[in-house]
C-alpha atoms as a PDB file:
ATOM      1  CA  MET A   1     -23.142 102.221 -31.454  1.00  0.00           C
ATOM      2  CA  LYS A   2     -25.959 103.530 -29.247  1.00  0.00           C
ATOM      3  CA  TYR A   3     -26.457 106.370 -31.689  1.00  0.00           C
ATOM      4  CA  GLN A   4     -26.842 103.946 -34.634  1.00  0.00           C
ATOM      5  CA  LYS A   5     -29.426 101.867 -32.744  1.00  0.00           C
ATOM      6  CA  PHE A   6     -31.317 105.027 -31.860  1.00  0.00           C
ATOM      7  CA  VAL A   7     -31.348 106.188 -35.502  1.00  0.00           C
ATOM      8  CA  LEU A   8     -32.493 102.744 -36.683  1.00  0.00           C
ATOM      9  CA  LEU A   9     -35.240 102.745 -34.067  1.00  0.00           C
ATOM     10  CA  LEU A  10     -36.412 106.195 -35.197  1.00  0.00           C
ATOM     11  CA  ILE A  11     -36.423 105.088 -38.840  1.00  0.00           C
ATOM     12  CA  PHE A  12     -38.406 101.975 -37.918  1.00  0.00           C
ATOM     13  CA  VAL A  13     -40.970 103.939 -35.874  1.00  0.00           C
ATOM     14  CA  PHE A  14     -41.342 106.550 -38.603  1.00  0.00           C
ATOM     15  CA  THR A  15     -41.787 103.879 -41.270  1.00  0.00           C
ATOM     16  CA  ILE A  16     -44.442 102.024 -39.266  1.00  0.00           C
ATOM     17  CA  SER A  17     -46.335 105.193 -38.342  1.00  0.00           C
ATOM     18  CA  SER A  18     -46.401 106.444 -41.927  1.00  0.00           C
ATOM     19  CA  CYS A  19     -48.042 103.245 -43.173  1.00  0.00           C
ATOM     20  CA  SER A  20     -51.789 103.725 -43.224  1.00  0.00           C
ATOM     21  CA  ASP A  21     -54.703 102.737 -45.344  1.00  0.00           C
ATOM     22  CA  GLU A  22     -55.872 105.852 -47.175  1.00  0.00           C
ATOM     23  CA  LYS A  23     -59.458 104.562 -47.252  1.00  0.00           C
ATOM     24  CA  ASP A  24     -59.565 104.696 -43.470  1.00  0.00           C
ATOM     25  CA  THR A  25     -58.571 108.360 -43.460  1.00  0.00           C
ATOM     26  CA  GLU A  26     -60.877 109.634 -46.206  1.00  0.00           C
ATOM     27  CA  GLU A  27     -63.134 112.404 -45.050  1.00  0.00           C
ATOM     28  CA  THR A  28     -66.435 113.420 -46.525  1.00  0.00           C
ATOM     29  CA  VAL A  29     -66.273 116.390 -48.838  1.00  0.00           C
ATOM     30  CA  CYS A  30     -69.235 118.742 -48.858  1.00  0.00           C
ATOM     31  CA  GLY A  31     -69.764 120.188 -52.317  1.00  0.00           C
ATOM     32  CA  ASN A  32     -68.697 117.193 -54.440  1.00  0.00           C
ATOM     33  CA  ASN A  33     -72.293 116.367 -55.539  1.00  0.00           C
ATOM     34  CA  ILE A  34     -72.237 113.092 -53.577  1.00  0.00           C
ATOM     35  CA  CYS A  35     -74.295 112.744 -50.420  1.00  0.00           C
ATOM     36  CA  GLU A  36     -71.771 110.780 -48.363  1.00  0.00           C
ATOM     37  CA  VAL A  37     -72.071 109.033 -45.018  1.00  0.00           C
ATOM     38  CA  GLY A  38     -72.278 111.699 -42.335  1.00  0.00           C
ATOM     39  CA  GLU A  39     -73.720 114.336 -44.687  1.00  0.00           C
ATOM     40  CA  ASN A  40     -77.381 115.308 -44.790  1.00  0.00           C
ATOM     41  CA  SER A  41     -79.594 118.095 -46.070  1.00  0.00           C
ATOM     42  CA  THR A  42     -78.906 120.119 -42.919  1.00  0.00           C
ATOM     43  CA  ASN A  43     -75.099 119.982 -42.766  1.00  0.00           C
ATOM     44  CA  CYS A  44     -74.422 119.776 -46.529  1.00  0.00           C
ATOM     45  CA  SER A  45     -77.340 120.962 -48.628  1.00  0.00           C
ATOM     46  CA  GLN A  46     -75.052 121.212 -51.680  1.00  0.00           C
ATOM     47  CA  ASP A  47     -74.760 117.413 -51.797  1.00  0.00           C
ATOM     48  CA  CYS A  48     -77.857 116.191 -49.932  1.00  0.00           C
ATOM     49  CA  ARG A  49     -81.372 117.228 -50.815  1.00  0.00           C
ATOM     50  CA  ASP A  50     -84.350 117.255 -48.478  1.00  0.00           C
ATOM     51  CA  SER A  51     -86.821 114.668 -49.695  1.00  0.00           C
ATOM     52  CA  THR A  52     -89.890 116.168 -47.976  1.00  0.00           C
ATOM     53  CA  ILE A  53     -91.609 117.976 -50.874  1.00  0.00           C
ATOM     54  CA  THR A  54     -90.644 115.391 -53.474  1.00  0.00           C
ATOM     55  CA  CYS A  55     -91.878 112.487 -51.367  1.00  0.00           C
ATOM     56  CA  GLU A  56     -95.065 114.350 -50.412  1.00  0.00           C
ATOM     57  CA  ASN A  57     -95.888 114.734 -54.117  1.00  0.00           C
ATOM     58  CA  TYR A  58     -95.289 111.033 -54.738  1.00  0.00           C
ATOM     59  CA  GLU A  59     -97.362 110.120 -51.640  1.00  0.00           C
ATOM     60  CA  TYR A  60    -100.176 112.340 -52.947  1.00  0.00           C
ATOM     61  CA  PHE A  61    -100.022 110.467 -56.248  1.00  0.00           C
ATOM     62  CA  LEU A  62    -100.248 107.159 -54.351  1.00  0.00           C
ATOM     63  CA  ASP A  63    -103.269 108.422 -52.391  1.00  0.00           C
ATOM     64  CA  VAL A  64    -105.119 109.293 -55.614  1.00  0.00           C
ATOM     65  CA  CYS A  65    -103.878 106.328 -57.628  1.00  0.00           C
ATOM     66  CA  ASP A  66    -104.501 103.640 -55.040  1.00  0.00           C
ATOM     67  CA  GLU A  67    -103.569 100.790 -57.392  1.00  0.00           C
ATOM     68  CA  CYS A  68     -99.981 102.069 -57.329  1.00  0.00           C
ATOM     69  CA  GLU A  69     -97.551 101.376 -54.508  1.00  0.00           C
ATOM     70  CA  MET A  70     -94.024 102.413 -53.596  1.00  0.00           C
ATOM     71  CA  ASN A  71     -91.190 101.628 -51.212  1.00  0.00           C
ATOM     72  CA  ASN A  72     -90.285 104.144 -48.522  1.00  0.00           C
ATOM     73  CA  CYS A  73     -89.632 107.280 -50.578  1.00  0.00           C
ATOM     74  CA  ALA A  74     -87.408 109.140 -48.102  1.00  0.00           C
ATOM     75  CA  THR A  75     -85.120 106.160 -47.522  1.00  0.00           C
ATOM     76  CA  SER A  76     -84.772 105.419 -51.226  1.00  0.00           C
ATOM     77  CA  TYR A  77     -84.345 109.100 -52.112  1.00  0.00           C
ATOM     78  CA  SER A  78     -81.585 109.746 -49.587  1.00  0.00           C
ATOM     79  CA  SER A  79     -79.425 106.970 -51.029  1.00  0.00           C
ATOM     80  CA  LEU A  80     -79.436 108.412 -54.559  1.00  0.00           C
ATOM     81  CA  SER A  81     -76.929 110.662 -56.309  1.00  0.00           C
ATOM     82  CA  LEU A  82     -77.654 114.373 -56.432  1.00  0.00           C
ATOM     83  CA  ASP A  83     -78.381 114.239 -60.182  1.00  0.00           C
ATOM     84  CA  ILE A  84     -81.059 111.582 -59.721  1.00  0.00           C
ATOM     85  CA  GLN A  85     -82.515 113.464 -56.756  1.00  0.00           C
ATOM     86  CA  LEU A  86     -82.798 116.621 -58.871  1.00  0.00           C
ATOM     87  CA  ASN A  87     -84.543 114.688 -61.649  1.00  0.00           C
ATOM     88  CA  LEU A  88     -86.974 113.186 -59.142  1.00  0.00           C
ATOM     89  CA  ASP A  89     -87.586 116.664 -57.692  1.00  0.00           C
ATOM     90  CA  ASP A  90     -88.514 117.963 -61.141  1.00  0.00           C
ATOM     91  CA  CYS A  91     -90.659 114.910 -61.797  1.00  0.00           C
ATOM     92  CA  SER A  92     -92.560 115.217 -58.548  1.00  0.00           C
ATOM     93  CA  ASP A  93     -94.398 118.235 -59.978  1.00  0.00           C
ATOM     94  CA  TYR A  94     -95.506 116.199 -63.009  1.00  0.00           C
ATOM     95  CA  ILE A  95     -96.548 113.353 -60.720  1.00  0.00           C
ATOM     96  CA  SER A  96     -98.575 115.763 -58.579  1.00  0.00           C
ATOM     97  CA  ASP A  97    -100.246 117.159 -61.720  1.00  0.00           C
ATOM     98  CA  ALA A  98    -101.079 113.605 -62.811  1.00  0.00           C
ATOM     99  CA  ALA A  99    -102.762 113.034 -59.450  1.00  0.00           C
ATOM    100  CA  ASP A 100    -104.650 116.334 -59.749  1.00  0.00           C
ATOM    101  CA  ASN A 101    -106.032 115.079 -63.067  1.00  0.00           C
ATOM    102  CA  SER A 102    -106.563 111.477 -61.870  1.00  0.00           C
ATOM    103  CA  ILE A 103    -104.104 110.143 -64.446  1.00  0.00           C
ATOM    104  CA  CYS A 104    -103.226 106.799 -62.884  1.00  0.00           C
ATOM    105  CA  SER A 105    -102.511 104.697 -65.957  1.00  0.00           C
ATOM    106  CA  ASP A 106    -101.731 104.991 -69.655  1.00  0.00           C
ATOM    107  CA  PHE A 107     -99.072 107.554 -68.867  1.00  0.00           C
ATOM    108  CA  GLY A 108     -97.703 109.617 -71.723  1.00  0.00           C
ATOM    109  CA  GLY A 109     -94.975 112.188 -72.324  1.00  0.00           C
ATOM    110  CA  ASP A 110     -93.230 113.686 -69.322  1.00  0.00           C
ATOM    111  CA  ILE A 111     -95.462 111.828 -66.881  1.00  0.00           C
ATOM    112  CA  ALA A 112     -94.430 108.483 -68.423  1.00  0.00           C
ATOM    113  CA  SER A 113     -90.756 109.433 -68.117  1.00  0.00           C
ATOM    114  CA  CYS A 114     -91.255 110.449 -64.503  1.00  0.00           C
ATOM    115  CA  VAL A 115     -93.168 107.290 -63.639  1.00  0.00           C
ATOM    116  CA  ASN A 116     -90.332 105.267 -65.181  1.00  0.00           C
ATOM    117  CA  LEU A 117     -87.776 107.210 -63.148  1.00  0.00           C
ATOM    118  CA  ALA A 118     -89.756 106.646 -59.933  1.00  0.00           C
ATOM    119  CA  GLU A 119     -90.124 102.948 -60.774  1.00  0.00           C
ATOM    120  CA  GLN A 120     -86.372 102.652 -61.240  1.00  0.00           C
ATOM    121  CA  TYR A 121     -85.220 104.637 -58.202  1.00  0.00           C
ATOM    122  CA  LEU A 122     -88.088 104.782 -55.700  1.00  0.00           C
ATOM    123  CA  GLY A 123     -89.703 101.393 -56.273  1.00  0.00           C
ATOM    124  CA  LEU A 124     -92.945 102.851 -57.652  1.00  0.00           C
ATOM    125  CA  ASN A 125     -95.155 100.119 -59.079  1.00  0.00           C
ATOM    126  CA  CYS A 126     -98.255 100.942 -61.089  1.00  0.00           C
ATOM    127  CA  PRO A 127     -99.816  97.852 -62.705  1.00  0.00           C
END
């Protein structure tokens, strides 16, 4: 009888301990193209990009085109998927070229696409 109670107790303890919420035990995975909580450009550069150069190019554009404004670039950038970050990285060169040529309105071609992307994801606003 003692043996049966002991076995039942073990089964009960095992059953209770094996019940867990999988969401609580999920770990971040570096290399899955998602910059997850706890990852950054230093500890997982595969998933998280450094916003410095991209945001500097957009800030340069804002300095030249003073009628335009934008939310905090680095904060907005870091919350985006890797694909969007890569597109913004590519666009930052076009945006910098636009600033070099004082193109602050009537955007065309690649610059228009990049301005639209920055409006959508970085809060860029050029009236």
